[in-house]
Amino acid sequence: MNRIVHRFFTFVCLALIAASVHAATQDIPSIRQAVKAFVTNQTAGLPGDVGVEVGEVDPRLTLPACPMLEPFLAENGRLWGNSTVGVKCRDKWTIYVPVKIRVMSNIVMSARPLAQGTSIGPQDVMLRKGDLAESPPGILTDAGEAVGKTMASSIPSGYPISRGMLHSPLIVLQGQSVRLISSGKGFQVTSDGIALGAAADGQTVQVRTPSGQIVSGIVRPGPVVEVGF
């Protein structure tokens, strides 16, 4: 009888110990949930529809239970495409979880083959859904950003268009007369000048004034060259 009682007591003790160990172990799904909530919040301002895929955490991993999980972006990381998010429990442990961020948005593509020097019209571009995180840097998402510009190189039909592929049309040509606008605090002076180079909107060009002075300014439609003091 005593042997049966002893065995029962031993079984109860082992069960309590196992339950205590289990209760003190961090739940792995809660780590992944914390990572997803962190990434979702941090990417709320990105353009397009953001999708977050949290990678697996080794289910064999045994970590002490944490009252407050603290997700953070790994050093030199960015929440774009394939990335890594750290999760720490202060003074206890830190792990790193892989994540994949997709940013689905309209992407501007060529509607037909476009040769170098082609001036782009509305009929030359189209919009297709794509992942910005897997697209080249500077990819266009608004067709209006391409219309009116010229191709810096040739591309085939259905090719994504980025800012680096485009040239803005020249507003000022070398030797052209321009209107100079000189602005400062509380004053504005206008005069005429001759452009010493060619430039597009927003680019810098040198201008010779009637007195022979050479100044530099920003080209604007008009053609106008803004000179600040």
Protein backbone atom coordinates (compact mmCIF):
# COMPACT_ATOMS: atom_id res chain seq x y z
CA MET A 1 0.00 0.00 0.00
CA ASN A 2 2.81 2.38 0.96
CA ARG A 3 4.51 1.59 -2.34
CA ILE A 4 1.37 2.56 -4.27
CA VAL A 5 1.06 5.80 -2.32
CA HIS A 6 4.72 6.56 -2.93
CA ARG A 7 4.35 5.98 -6.67
CA PHE A 8 1.25 8.16 -6.79
CA PHE A 9 3.01 10.92 -4.88
CA THR A 10 6.01 10.70 -7.24
CA PHE A 11 3.71 10.86 -10.29
CA VAL A 12 1.94 13.96 -8.93
CA CYS A 13 5.26 15.67 -8.22
CA LEU A 14 6.57 14.96 -11.71
CA ALA A 15 3.34 16.23 -13.22
CA LEU A 16 3.55 19.44 -11.20
CA ILE A 17 7.18 19.93 -12.19
CA ALA A 18 6.35 19.37 -15.87
CA ALA A 19 3.44 21.79 -15.65
CA SER A 20 5.68 24.36 -13.97
CA VAL A 21 8.34 24.00 -16.68
CA HIS A 22 5.71 24.25 -19.41
CA ALA A 23 4.18 27.36 -17.82
CA ALA A 24 7.60 29.00 -17.63
CA THR A 25 8.37 28.42 -21.32
CA GLN A 26 7.71 31.14 -23.89
CA ASP A 27 4.92 30.34 -26.35
CA ILE A 28 6.49 30.37 -29.86
CA PRO A 29 3.29 31.42 -31.75
CA SER A 30 3.08 34.54 -29.56
CA ILE A 31 6.58 35.54 -30.75
CA ARG A 32 5.49 35.32 -34.39
CA GLN A 33 2.31 37.26 -33.61
CA ALA A 34 4.35 40.03 -31.97
CA VAL A 35 6.62 40.22 -35.01
CA LYS A 36 3.68 40.46 -37.40
CA ALA A 37 2.00 43.19 -35.34
CA PHE A 38 5.28 45.16 -35.21
CA VAL A 39 5.91 44.93 -38.96
CA THR A 40 2.29 45.73 -39.83
CA ASN A 41 2.41 48.85 -37.68
CA GLN A 42 5.81 49.98 -39.01
CA THR A 43 4.82 49.55 -42.68
CA ALA A 44 1.42 51.23 -42.42
CA GLY A 45 2.66 54.27 -44.38
CA LEU A 46 4.07 52.38 -47.36
CA PRO A 47 2.33 52.83 -50.73
CA GLY A 48 0.12 50.04 -52.04
CA ASP A 49 -1.20 46.96 -50.27
CA VAL A 50 1.30 45.63 -47.75
CA GLY A 51 1.50 41.91 -47.00
CA VAL A 52 3.58 40.49 -44.17
CA GLU A 53 4.82 36.91 -44.04
CA VAL A 54 6.55 35.91 -40.81
CA GLY A 55 9.09 33.10 -41.08
CA GLU A 56 9.15 30.03 -38.88
CA VAL A 57 10.72 29.90 -35.43
CA ASP A 58 12.30 26.57 -34.46
CA PRO A 59 9.55 24.86 -32.39
CA ARG A 60 12.25 23.03 -30.41
CA LEU A 61 13.50 26.35 -29.08
CA THR A 62 12.97 26.62 -25.32
CA LEU A 63 12.93 30.14 -23.94
CA PRO A 64 11.95 31.43 -20.50
CA ALA A 65 8.48 32.99 -20.50
CA CYS A 66 8.54 36.74 -21.08
CA PRO A 67 5.99 39.19 -19.62
CA MET A 68 6.63 41.70 -22.42
CA LEU A 69 8.03 40.87 -25.87
CA GLU A 70 9.96 43.71 -27.53
CA PRO A 71 10.26 43.41 -31.34
CA PHE A 72 12.86 45.61 -33.05
CA LEU A 73 14.38 46.07 -36.48
CA ALA A 74 17.72 44.32 -36.81
CA GLU A 75 20.80 46.49 -37.37
CA ASN A 76 21.07 47.74 -40.97
CA GLY A 77 17.69 46.13 -41.67
CA ARG A 78 14.74 47.64 -43.51
CA LEU A 79 11.15 46.54 -43.64
CA TRP A 80 11.12 45.93 -47.37
CA GLY A 81 11.32 42.58 -49.16
CA ASN A 82 13.28 39.96 -47.23
CA SER A 83 14.27 41.25 -43.83
CA THR A 84 14.86 40.24 -40.21
CA VAL A 85 13.11 41.37 -37.04
CA GLY A 86 14.58 40.83 -33.60
CA VAL A 87 12.52 39.98 -30.52
CA LYS A 88 13.98 40.41 -27.07
CA CYS A 89 12.94 39.77 -23.52
CA ARG A 90 14.85 42.27 -21.45
CA ASP A 91 17.81 40.74 -19.61
CA LYS A 92 16.73 37.24 -20.64
CA TRP A 93 17.02 36.44 -24.34
CA THR A 94 17.03 37.78 -27.90
CA ILE A 95 16.13 35.93 -31.09
CA TYR A 96 15.82 36.94 -34.76
CA VAL A 97 12.89 36.05 -36.99
CA PRO A 98 12.91 36.24 -40.83
CA VAL A 99 10.10 38.22 -42.45
CA LYS A 100 9.04 38.96 -46.01
CA ILE A 101 7.25 42.21 -46.83
CA ARG A 102 5.36 42.51 -50.09
CA VAL A 103 4.15 45.91 -51.29
CA MET A 104 1.63 45.39 -54.08
CA SER A 105 0.95 48.47 -56.19
CA ASN A 106 0.42 49.68 -59.74
CA ILE A 107 3.69 49.72 -61.68
CA VAL A 108 4.20 51.72 -64.88
CA MET A 109 5.23 49.52 -67.82
CA SER A 110 5.84 50.09 -71.51
CA ALA A 111 2.76 49.32 -73.62
CA ARG A 112 4.96 48.79 -76.69
CA PRO A 113 8.67 48.72 -77.52
CA LEU A 114 10.11 52.17 -76.80
CA ALA A 115 13.29 53.26 -78.57
CA GLN A 116 15.89 55.58 -77.09
CA GLY A 117 14.83 59.21 -77.56
CA THR A 118 11.10 58.38 -77.82
CA SER A 119 8.86 61.06 -76.35
CA ILE A 120 6.38 59.19 -74.16
CA GLY A 121 2.66 59.72 -74.63
CA PRO A 122 -0.28 58.27 -72.65
CA GLN A 123 -0.64 55.45 -75.19
CA ASP A 124 2.95 54.31 -74.62
CA VAL A 125 2.52 53.23 -70.99
CA MET A 126 0.22 50.95 -68.99
CA LEU A 127 -0.28 49.96 -65.35
CA ARG A 128 0.18 46.46 -63.99
CA LYS A 129 0.06 45.18 -60.40
CA GLY A 130 3.44 44.19 -59.03
CA ASP A 131 5.54 43.92 -55.88
CA LEU A 132 7.44 47.17 -55.33
CA ALA A 133 9.79 45.37 -52.94
CA GLU A 134 11.00 43.18 -55.82
CA SER A 135 11.09 45.96 -58.41
CA PRO A 136 14.10 48.08 -59.48
CA PRO A 137 14.82 51.24 -57.44
CA GLY A 138 12.94 54.33 -58.59
CA ILE A 139 10.16 52.36 -60.29
CA LEU A 140 7.22 54.54 -61.35
CA THR A 141 3.73 53.98 -59.94
CA ASP A 142 1.99 56.90 -61.66
CA ALA A 143 1.81 56.98 -65.46
CA GLY A 144 1.80 60.79 -65.35
CA GLU A 145 5.40 60.70 -64.15
CA ALA A 146 6.46 59.20 -67.49
CA VAL A 147 4.27 61.09 -69.97
CA GLY A 148 6.10 63.97 -71.63
CA LYS A 149 9.56 62.60 -70.91
CA THR A 150 11.93 60.87 -73.33
CA MET A 151 13.55 57.45 -73.12
CA ALA A 152 17.22 57.41 -72.16
CA SER A 153 17.53 53.87 -73.57
CA SER A 154 15.43 51.38 -75.53
CA ILE A 155 13.14 48.90 -73.74
CA PRO A 156 10.81 46.12 -74.95
CA SER A 157 7.05 45.99 -74.47
CA GLY A 158 5.86 45.13 -70.96
CA TYR A 159 9.03 46.39 -69.29
CA PRO A 160 8.83 48.30 -65.96
CA ILE A 161 9.85 51.95 -66.22
CA SER A 162 11.99 53.66 -63.58
CA ARG A 163 13.00 57.29 -63.19
CA GLY A 164 16.55 56.52 -64.25
CA MET A 165 15.32 55.46 -67.70
CA LEU A 166 13.80 58.87 -68.46
CA HIS A 167 14.99 62.29 -69.48
CA SER A 168 12.91 65.38 -68.82
CA PRO A 169 12.32 67.55 -71.91
CA LEU A 170 14.65 70.50 -72.26
CA ILE A 171 13.01 73.81 -71.38
CA VAL A 172 16.06 75.96 -72.04
CA LEU A 173 18.48 75.62 -74.97
CA GLN A 174 21.95 77.12 -75.24
CA GLY A 175 21.78 80.70 -76.52
CA GLN A 176 18.07 81.04 -75.71
CA SER A 177 16.68 84.16 -74.06
CA VAL A 178 15.33 83.54 -70.56
CA ARG A 179 13.67 85.57 -67.84
CA LEU A 180 15.82 85.85 -64.72
CA ILE A 181 14.04 86.09 -61.38
CA SER A 182 16.27 87.05 -58.47
CA SER A 183 14.63 86.55 -55.08
CA GLY A 184 15.69 87.38 -51.57
CA LYS A 185 14.16 88.25 -48.25
CA GLY A 186 11.54 90.88 -48.98
CA PHE A 187 12.41 91.53 -52.64
CA GLN A 188 12.19 90.12 -56.16
CA VAL A 189 13.94 91.46 -59.27
CA THR A 190 13.40 90.33 -62.85
CA SER A 191 15.63 90.81 -65.86
CA ASP A 192 16.57 89.12 -69.13
CA GLY A 193 19.55 86.92 -69.87
CA ILE A 194 21.04 84.41 -72.32
CA ALA A 195 21.33 80.75 -71.32
CA LEU A 196 24.85 79.36 -71.63
CA GLY A 197 23.66 75.74 -71.70
CA ALA A 198 20.63 73.49 -72.09
CA ALA A 199 18.57 72.29 -69.11
CA ALA A 200 15.28 70.67 -68.12
CA ASP A 201 12.85 71.72 -65.42
CA GLY A 202 14.58 71.70 -62.02
CA GLN A 203 18.11 71.57 -63.42
CA THR A 204 20.76 74.25 -62.99
CA VAL A 205 21.93 76.45 -65.86
CA GLN A 206 24.30 79.38 -66.19
CA VAL A 207 22.96 82.66 -67.62
CA ARG A 208 24.76 85.77 -68.89
CA THR A 209 23.08 88.99 -67.82
CA PRO A 210 22.97 92.17 -70.00
CA SER A 211 25.87 93.55 -67.92
CA GLY A 212 27.99 90.50 -68.79
CA GLN A 213 27.76 88.92 -65.33
CA ILE A 214 27.32 85.13 -65.27
CA VAL A 215 24.91 83.70 -62.71
CA SER A 216 23.53 80.23 -62.01
CA GLY A 217 19.91 79.38 -61.34
CA ILE A 218 17.19 76.73 -61.43
CA VAL A 219 15.22 76.31 -64.65
CA ARG A 220 11.44 76.57 -64.51
CA PRO A 221 8.80 76.56 -67.28
CA GLY A 222 8.51 79.94 -68.99
CA PRO A 223 11.41 79.68 -69.60
CA VAL A 224 12.41 81.17 -66.25
CA VAL A 225 15.65 80.85 -64.33
CA GLU A 226 15.34 81.38 -60.56
CA VAL A 227 18.39 82.89 -58.90
CA GLY A 228 18.39 83.05 -55.11
CA PHE A 229 20.49 85.28 -52.92
